[in-house]
Protein backbone atom coordinates (compact mmCIF):
# COMPACT_ATOMS: atom_id res chain seq x y z
CA MET A 1 51.64 27.12 84.15
CA THR A 2 51.20 30.55 85.74
CA ILE A 3 52.22 31.84 89.16
CA GLN A 4 49.61 31.42 91.89
CA LEU A 5 49.48 34.64 93.90
CA THR A 6 48.11 34.54 97.44
CA ASP A 7 46.82 37.13 99.89
CA GLU A 8 50.36 37.36 101.28
CA HIS A 9 51.67 38.31 97.85
CA ASP A 10 48.97 40.94 97.52
CA GLN A 11 50.01 42.35 100.89
CA LEU A 12 53.63 42.45 99.74
CA ARG A 13 52.58 44.37 96.62
CA GLN A 14 50.52 46.85 98.61
CA TYR A 15 53.27 47.33 101.21
CA LEU A 16 55.98 47.95 98.62
CA THR A 17 53.75 50.11 96.42
CA ARG A 18 52.78 52.27 99.40
CA TYR A 19 56.42 52.83 100.30
CA LEU A 20 57.42 53.68 96.72
CA SER A 21 54.48 56.05 96.21
CA THR A 22 55.32 58.02 99.35
CA SER A 23 59.10 57.73 99.62
CA TYR A 24 60.46 57.24 96.10
CA ASP A 25 60.51 60.56 94.27
CA LEU A 26 61.03 60.27 90.51
CA GLU A 27 62.73 63.65 90.23
CA ALA A 28 65.19 62.78 93.01
CA SER A 29 65.84 59.40 91.39
CA ARG A 30 66.60 60.93 87.99
CA ASP A 31 68.84 63.54 89.60
CA ALA A 32 70.79 60.81 91.41
CA ALA A 33 71.08 58.86 88.16
CA LYS A 34 72.28 61.79 86.06
CA ASN A 35 74.17 64.01 88.48
CA GLY A 36 74.86 61.92 91.55
CA ALA A 37 76.12 58.45 92.38
CA GLY A 38 73.68 56.77 89.99
CA TRP A 39 71.46 55.43 92.76
CA GLN A 40 70.08 56.25 96.22
CA PRO A 41 71.79 54.25 98.99
CA GLN A 42 69.05 55.06 101.50
CA VAL A 43 66.45 53.45 99.24
CA TRP A 44 68.60 50.31 98.99
CA ARG A 45 68.86 50.18 102.79
CA ASP A 46 65.10 50.60 103.10
CA LEU A 47 64.51 47.76 100.64
CA ALA A 48 66.75 45.57 102.79
CA ASP A 49 65.95 46.58 106.36
CA ARG A 50 62.63 48.39 106.41
CA LEU A 51 60.82 46.32 103.78
CA GLY A 52 62.79 43.06 103.62
CA VAL A 53 62.41 43.09 99.85
CA LEU A 54 65.99 42.14 98.97
CA GLY A 55 65.71 38.86 100.84
CA ALA A 56 62.09 38.02 100.06
CA ALA A 57 62.95 35.58 97.24
CA LEU A 58 66.24 34.29 98.72
CA PRO A 59 66.70 31.08 100.77
CA ILE A 60 66.01 31.16 104.50
CA GLU A 61 69.48 29.70 105.11
CA ALA A 62 70.94 32.79 103.44
CA GLY A 63 69.03 35.23 105.60
CA GLY A 64 66.12 35.50 103.18
CA ASP A 65 62.43 34.70 103.57
CA GLY A 66 62.47 31.54 101.46
CA GLY A 67 60.25 32.91 98.74
CA GLY A 68 60.71 32.42 95.03
CA ALA A 69 59.26 33.28 91.65
CA ALA A 70 55.98 34.69 92.95
CA GLU A 71 57.73 37.13 95.29
CA SER A 72 60.13 38.22 92.55
CA LEU A 73 57.24 38.75 90.14
CA VAL A 74 55.38 40.99 92.59
CA ILE A 75 58.50 42.94 93.55
CA THR A 76 59.80 43.59 90.03
CA GLU A 77 56.41 44.79 88.77
CA ALA A 78 56.13 47.22 91.69
CA LEU A 79 59.68 48.47 91.12
CA GLY A 80 58.94 48.93 87.43
CA ARG A 81 55.81 50.94 88.16
CA ALA A 82 57.88 53.35 90.26
CA LEU A 83 60.77 53.32 87.74
CA VAL A 84 63.23 52.34 90.45
CA VAL A 85 66.82 52.60 89.26
CA GLU A 86 68.35 50.68 92.18
CA PRO A 87 69.80 47.34 90.96
CA TYR A 88 67.33 44.73 92.20
CA VAL A 89 67.37 42.68 88.98
CA ASP A 90 71.16 42.86 88.51
CA THR A 91 72.03 42.01 92.11
CA VAL A 92 69.23 39.88 93.55
CA VAL A 93 67.94 38.12 90.44
CA LEU A 94 70.84 37.80 87.99
CA ALA A 95 73.80 37.62 90.38
CA GLY A 96 71.83 35.92 93.16
CA THR A 97 70.53 33.17 90.86
CA LEU A 98 73.97 32.66 89.34
CA LEU A 99 75.67 32.39 92.73
CA HIS A 100 73.12 29.93 94.07
CA ALA A 101 73.08 27.80 90.91
CA LEU A 102 76.89 27.56 90.86
CA ALA A 103 77.75 27.20 94.51
CA GLY A 104 74.63 25.94 96.30
CA GLU A 105 75.04 26.11 100.08
CA SER A 106 78.47 27.68 99.64
CA SER A 107 76.74 30.78 98.25
CA TYR A 108 74.74 31.48 101.42
CA ASP A 109 77.22 33.95 102.91
CA ALA A 110 77.25 36.01 99.71
CA LEU A 111 73.44 35.84 99.41
CA ALA A 112 73.11 36.91 103.05
CA GLN A 113 75.10 40.04 102.26
CA ILE A 114 72.73 40.75 99.37
CA ALA A 115 69.65 40.21 101.55
CA SER A 116 71.00 42.60 104.18
CA GLY A 117 71.87 45.26 101.62
CA GLN A 118 75.58 45.12 102.42
CA ALA A 119 76.64 43.92 98.96
CA ILE A 120 75.78 45.02 95.45
CA TRP A 121 76.72 42.57 92.71
CA ALA A 122 77.07 43.08 88.98
CA VAL A 123 77.57 40.42 86.30
CA ALA A 124 80.15 41.04 83.58
CA GLY A 125 78.93 38.80 80.81
CA LEU A 126 78.34 40.62 77.54
CA GLU A 127 81.26 41.33 75.22
CA PRO A 128 81.84 43.74 72.29
CA ALA A 129 81.54 41.01 69.65
CA GLY A 130 78.96 38.87 71.42
CA GLY A 131 75.83 40.98 71.13
CA TYR A 132 73.28 40.10 73.79
CA CYS A 133 74.52 36.53 74.32
CA PHE A 134 76.04 35.76 77.72
CA HIS A 135 77.48 32.49 76.36
CA ASP A 136 79.48 34.14 73.56
CA VAL A 137 82.68 34.64 75.53
CA THR A 138 86.28 35.29 74.51
CA THR A 139 87.49 36.66 77.85
CA THR A 140 89.97 34.15 79.24
CA ALA A 141 91.02 32.96 82.68
CA ARG A 142 94.31 31.13 82.85
CA ARG A 143 96.05 29.64 85.84
CA ASP A 144 98.95 31.60 87.27
CA GLY A 145 100.62 29.96 90.23
CA ASP A 146 98.04 29.64 92.98
CA GLY A 147 95.62 32.05 91.27
CA TRP A 148 94.16 33.16 87.96
CA LEU A 149 94.77 35.85 85.37
CA LEU A 150 91.72 37.38 83.66
CA SER A 151 92.12 38.97 80.23
CA GLY A 152 89.48 40.42 77.93
CA ALA A 153 86.76 43.05 77.69
CA LYS A 154 83.15 43.32 78.86
CA SER A 155 80.52 45.68 77.48
CA ILE A 156 77.77 47.72 79.14
CA VAL A 157 77.99 46.07 82.54
CA THR A 158 75.07 47.69 84.31
CA THR A 159 75.52 48.41 88.04
CA ALA A 160 79.32 47.97 87.77
CA PRO A 161 80.18 51.56 88.88
CA ILE A 162 78.33 51.10 92.20
CA ALA A 163 79.02 47.38 92.75
CA THR A 164 80.94 45.95 95.68
CA ASP A 165 81.52 42.67 93.81
CA LEU A 166 81.66 41.57 90.20
CA LEU A 167 80.97 38.16 88.68
CA VAL A 168 83.09 37.77 85.55
CA ILE A 169 82.20 35.12 82.99
CA ALA A 170 85.38 33.84 81.35
CA ARG A 171 86.70 30.88 79.42
CA THR A 172 89.06 28.45 81.10
CA ASP A 173 88.88 26.11 78.12
CA GLY A 174 87.27 25.68 74.70
CA GLY A 175 86.34 27.99 71.86
CA ARG A 176 84.17 31.07 71.73
CA ARG A 177 80.75 29.37 71.86
CA ASP A 178 81.69 25.97 73.25
CA ARG A 179 79.34 24.67 75.91
CA HIS A 180 82.23 23.37 78.01
CA GLY A 181 84.83 25.75 79.37
CA LEU A 182 82.76 28.61 80.78
CA SER A 183 83.64 29.60 84.35
CA VAL A 184 82.58 32.39 86.70
CA PHE A 185 84.93 34.36 88.94
CA ARG A 186 84.34 36.77 91.80
CA VAL A 187 86.25 40.05 91.58
CA SER A 188 86.18 42.73 94.28
CA MET A 189 85.25 46.25 93.23
CA GLY A 190 85.79 49.73 94.61
CA GLU A 191 88.94 50.33 96.65
CA SER A 192 89.60 46.57 96.75
CA ALA A 193 89.59 46.19 92.96
CA PRO A 194 92.70 44.39 91.66
CA ALA A 195 95.25 46.00 89.38
CA GLY A 196 94.48 45.79 85.69
CA LEU A 197 90.73 46.17 86.03
CA VAL A 198 89.75 49.36 84.20
CA LEU A 199 86.23 50.81 84.19
CA HIS A 200 85.05 53.20 81.50
CA ARG A 201 81.96 54.58 83.20
CA LEU A 202 78.83 55.43 81.25
CA ARG A 203 75.13 56.01 81.72
CA THR A 204 72.67 53.98 79.68
CA TYR A 205 69.90 55.47 77.58
CA ASP A 206 67.45 54.83 80.43
CA ASP A 207 69.67 56.43 83.10
CA ARG A 208 71.28 53.39 84.72
CA PRO A 209 74.93 53.37 85.85
CA ALA A 210 77.05 51.08 83.68
CA ALA A 211 80.60 50.58 82.48
CA ASP A 212 82.69 49.02 79.76
CA ILE A 213 85.35 46.96 81.52
CA ALA A 214 88.86 46.11 80.39
CA LEU A 215 90.58 43.16 82.11
CA ARG A 216 94.32 43.45 81.62
CA ASP A 217 95.89 40.39 83.21
CA VAL A 218 93.83 40.90 86.36
CA ARG A 219 95.25 38.60 89.03
CA ILE A 220 92.79 36.98 91.42
CA GLY A 221 93.11 34.21 93.98
CA ALA A 222 92.27 30.54 93.54
CA ASP A 223 89.16 30.99 95.71
CA ALA A 224 87.73 33.50 93.23
CA LEU A 225 86.40 30.64 91.09
CA ILE A 226 82.68 30.10 91.79
CA GLY A 227 81.54 26.50 91.38
CA ALA A 228 83.24 23.92 89.18
CA GLU A 229 85.76 25.01 86.57
CA GLY A 230 84.39 25.01 83.03
CA GLU A 231 80.86 23.93 84.01
CA ALA A 232 79.00 27.24 84.30
CA TRP A 233 76.94 27.11 81.08
CA ASP A 234 73.70 25.82 82.63
CA ALA A 235 73.91 28.15 85.63
CA ILE A 236 74.42 31.14 83.35
CA ASP A 237 71.50 29.99 81.21
CA LEU A 238 69.19 29.79 84.23
CA ALA A 239 70.32 33.12 85.69
CA VAL A 240 69.84 34.98 82.40
CA ASP A 241 66.37 33.47 81.96
CA ALA A 242 65.43 34.50 85.51
CA ALA A 243 66.68 38.04 84.86
CA THR A 244 64.82 38.15 81.54
CA ALA A 245 61.58 37.16 83.25
CA ALA A 246 62.23 39.83 85.90
CA VAL A 247 62.77 42.53 83.28
CA CYS A 248 59.52 41.45 81.58
CA SER A 249 57.66 41.87 84.87
CA GLU A 250 59.37 45.20 85.49
CA ALA A 251 58.24 46.36 82.04
CA VAL A 252 54.65 45.39 82.88
CA GLY A 253 54.83 47.72 85.87
CA CYS A 254 56.15 50.51 83.65
CA MET A 255 53.37 49.96 81.13
CA ARG A 256 50.64 49.95 83.77
CA LYS A 257 51.89 53.32 85.01
CA LEU A 258 52.00 54.74 81.47
CA LEU A 259 48.48 53.51 80.77
CA ASP A 260 47.12 55.05 83.98
CA ASP A 261 48.87 58.35 83.31
CA THR A 262 47.66 58.45 79.71
CA VAL A 263 44.04 57.77 80.63
CA GLY A 264 44.24 60.40 83.36
CA TYR A 265 45.77 62.97 81.01
CA THR A 266 43.17 62.48 78.27
CA LYS A 267 40.40 62.99 80.82
CA GLN A 268 41.87 66.40 81.71
CA ARG A 269 43.05 67.63 78.30
CA GLU A 270 40.24 69.37 76.43
CA GLN A 271 39.77 69.98 72.71
CA PHE A 272 36.70 71.47 71.03
CA GLY A 273 35.21 72.08 74.45
CA ARG A 274 35.36 68.50 75.81
CA PRO A 275 37.95 66.03 77.17
CA ILE A 276 39.86 64.22 74.44
CA ALA A 277 39.14 60.96 76.29
CA SER A 278 35.59 61.25 74.94
CA PHE A 279 36.81 60.85 71.34
CA GLN A 280 36.17 57.31 70.17
CA ALA A 281 39.35 57.09 68.10
CA LEU A 282 41.48 57.79 71.18
CA GLN A 283 39.43 55.39 73.29
CA HIS A 284 40.24 52.63 70.79
CA ARG A 285 43.95 53.41 71.06
CA MET A 286 43.86 53.25 74.85
CA VAL A 287 41.96 49.96 74.71
CA ASP A 288 44.75 48.61 72.49
CA MET A 289 47.25 49.75 75.12
CA TYR A 290 45.26 47.95 77.83
CA LEU A 291 45.08 44.70 75.86
CA HIS A 292 48.83 44.70 75.22
CA VAL A 293 49.55 45.34 78.90
CA GLU A 294 47.36 42.43 79.97
CA GLN A 295 48.90 40.10 77.39
CA ALA A 296 52.37 41.12 78.56
CA SER A 297 51.38 40.53 82.19
CA ALA A 298 50.10 37.03 81.42
CA ALA A 299 53.25 36.20 79.44
CA ALA A 300 55.49 37.38 82.29
CA GLU A 301 53.60 35.18 84.76
CA ILE A 302 53.98 32.16 82.50
CA ALA A 303 57.72 32.85 82.18
CA TYR A 304 58.11 32.97 85.94
CA GLY A 305 56.09 29.78 86.29
CA ALA A 306 58.48 27.99 83.93
CA LEU A 307 61.70 28.90 85.75
CA ASP A 308 61.61 25.71 87.83
CA GLY A 309 60.80 23.50 84.82
CA THR A 310 63.00 21.86 82.22
CA ALA A 311 65.43 24.00 80.25
CA GLU A 312 63.44 23.52 77.02
CA ARG A 313 60.16 24.56 78.62
CA ARG A 314 61.85 27.50 80.35
CA HIS A 315 63.48 28.69 77.13
CA ARG A 316 60.20 28.71 75.23
CA ALA A 317 58.22 30.42 78.00
CA VAL A 318 60.84 33.10 78.64
CA SER A 319 61.41 33.81 74.95
CA ALA A 320 57.66 34.02 74.32
CA ALA A 321 57.36 36.48 77.19
CA LYS A 322 60.27 38.59 75.98
CA VAL A 323 58.80 38.88 72.49
CA THR A 324 55.32 39.66 73.82
CA VAL A 325 56.62 42.24 76.29
CA ALA A 326 58.98 43.89 73.80
CA ARG A 327 56.18 44.37 71.28
CA ALA A 328 53.82 45.64 73.97
CA ALA A 329 56.48 48.01 75.33
CA LYS A 330 56.95 49.54 71.90
CA LEU A 331 53.22 50.08 71.30
CA VAL A 332 52.37 51.29 74.82
CA GLY A 333 55.38 53.58 75.01
CA GLN A 334 54.78 55.17 71.62
CA GLU A 335 51.05 55.58 72.18
CA ALA A 336 51.61 57.17 75.58
CA VAL A 337 54.02 59.70 74.09
CA GLN A 338 51.71 60.51 71.17
CA LEU A 339 48.59 60.89 73.31
CA HIS A 340 50.47 63.27 75.61
CA GLY A 341 51.43 65.35 72.59
CA GLY A 342 54.76 67.18 72.44
CA MET A 343 55.10 67.05 76.23
CA GLY A 344 55.46 63.29 76.09
CA MET A 345 59.20 63.46 75.36
CA THR A 346 60.09 66.22 77.81
CA GLU A 347 62.07 65.72 81.00
CA GLU A 348 59.30 67.38 83.00
CA LEU A 349 56.77 64.57 82.55
CA ALA A 350 57.24 61.05 83.84
CA VAL A 351 56.05 59.57 80.55
CA GLY A 352 59.32 60.45 78.81
CA HIS A 353 61.40 58.61 81.39
CA TYR A 354 59.16 55.53 81.26
CA PHE A 355 59.35 55.58 77.47
CA LYS A 356 63.15 55.46 77.64
CA ARG A 357 63.08 52.48 80.00
CA LEU A 358 60.63 50.57 77.81
CA THR A 359 62.73 51.32 74.73
CA ALA A 360 65.76 49.84 76.48
CA VAL A 361 63.74 46.78 77.56
CA GLU A 362 63.04 45.91 73.92
CA ASN A 363 66.63 44.70 73.48
CA GLU A 364 67.72 43.96 77.04
CA TYR A 365 68.63 40.27 77.45
CA GLY A 366 68.08 39.70 73.75
CA SER A 367 66.14 41.22 70.87
CA VAL A 368 62.81 40.06 69.49
CA GLU A 369 64.62 38.35 66.61
CA GLN A 370 66.94 36.46 68.95
CA HIS A 371 64.10 35.19 71.10
CA LEU A 372 61.99 34.23 68.11
CA ARG A 373 64.89 32.10 66.89
CA ARG A 374 65.30 30.47 70.27
CA TYR A 375 61.56 29.81 70.55
CA ALA A 376 61.69 28.11 67.16
CA GLY A 377 64.66 26.02 68.25
CA ARG A 378 67.15 27.60 65.86
C-alpha cells in the first residue's frame, strides 16, 4: 500500500519548497551548524507560525492540522531537498510519535508546544554498547522516594544541545534486551536540567548538533514517567519506524537535488568542445542515478503507507525501504561527486554537503545488514 497524495498535498509541497528556495540559504545553514548554535531559530519559528509545518501531521486536539503519514512524507522530502538541519524528524516525528503512542490524550499539551515551535524534543535512546538498536538498553531508572534516579549513558543524541526537553529510554525492570521493563522519562534541558546530567557536545559528520550524555543519578519527579511503567517497547518500536521512514523520505529529497545539480553541471561542463552530458557513458550513469532515486521514492511511500498497519507488515516495509534508500544514497552520492570531478568534495559546492548527509543516512536508524536481518525475520 502506498500513500495517496492529493492536490492539497501538492500545494503543501509547493508552498514549503517555495519558502525553502527563497528563505533557506545553504551557506547560512552550514555556518549556523558549524560556528553558531547548530540551527536557525527563525527558521523553526517560520515552520511553526508562518507555514504551519510543525503541526501539519499532529492531532487537531494538540493544536495540529490532523494530518498524518502523507503530510510527513511531503514535508520530509522537501526538507531533505533543501538540506534543512532544523530537527523536524527528531522532534516532530520521533519524539512526537513516542509521546502520542505512550500517553495518548495526555500528550496533547506537549504536542501543542511542538506544533507552536515552543518546544524542541530529543530522544536519548542509543547507548555505547547497543549499536543502532533503541531497545538495547542498560540505562536504569530506580525509584527514590517520590521520584526516580536515572543512571547510565546515551550516545550521539542528535538535537540534544538545542533541546528544551529530553525523552530518556531507561530500564525499570528486566535485562538488557528484555521486552518488558522499558520505560520513557521526560527530562528538562537547558537551564532547567537536573543535577547529574552531563552533555559532551559534538557535531555529527553531516553537521547536526548532538551530544553524548552521562546520567549520574539524575533525580526526576514521579510525573516524569511517560505512559505505563515498563511497557514502552511497542511505542518505541513504532516511533523508531516512523522516524526511519521519515529519514528515507528526507534522503529521497537529497537525492533528487543531487540528481538535478549533476544533470545541470554536465550540461555546462565542456570537454573536447562539447558538454559532457552529450557523452553516452555519462548519460547511462545519470540514468542509473534516476532509477535508484525513483525506486527509493517508491520504497519510502510504501514504508509510510505501512505505519498504520500491523507491526510485522510495518517492520518489513520500513526495513525494505531503509535498505533500498541506503543503497540508492550510496550510488547517487558517489556518482554525483565523481561527475562533478574534484569539486564534488569541496565546501564551496552543495554536492559535498548533500553527500555527507546521504553517507550518514546509510547507517542512521540501522545499517543495511540490520534491516536485512529484520526483513528476513532473524
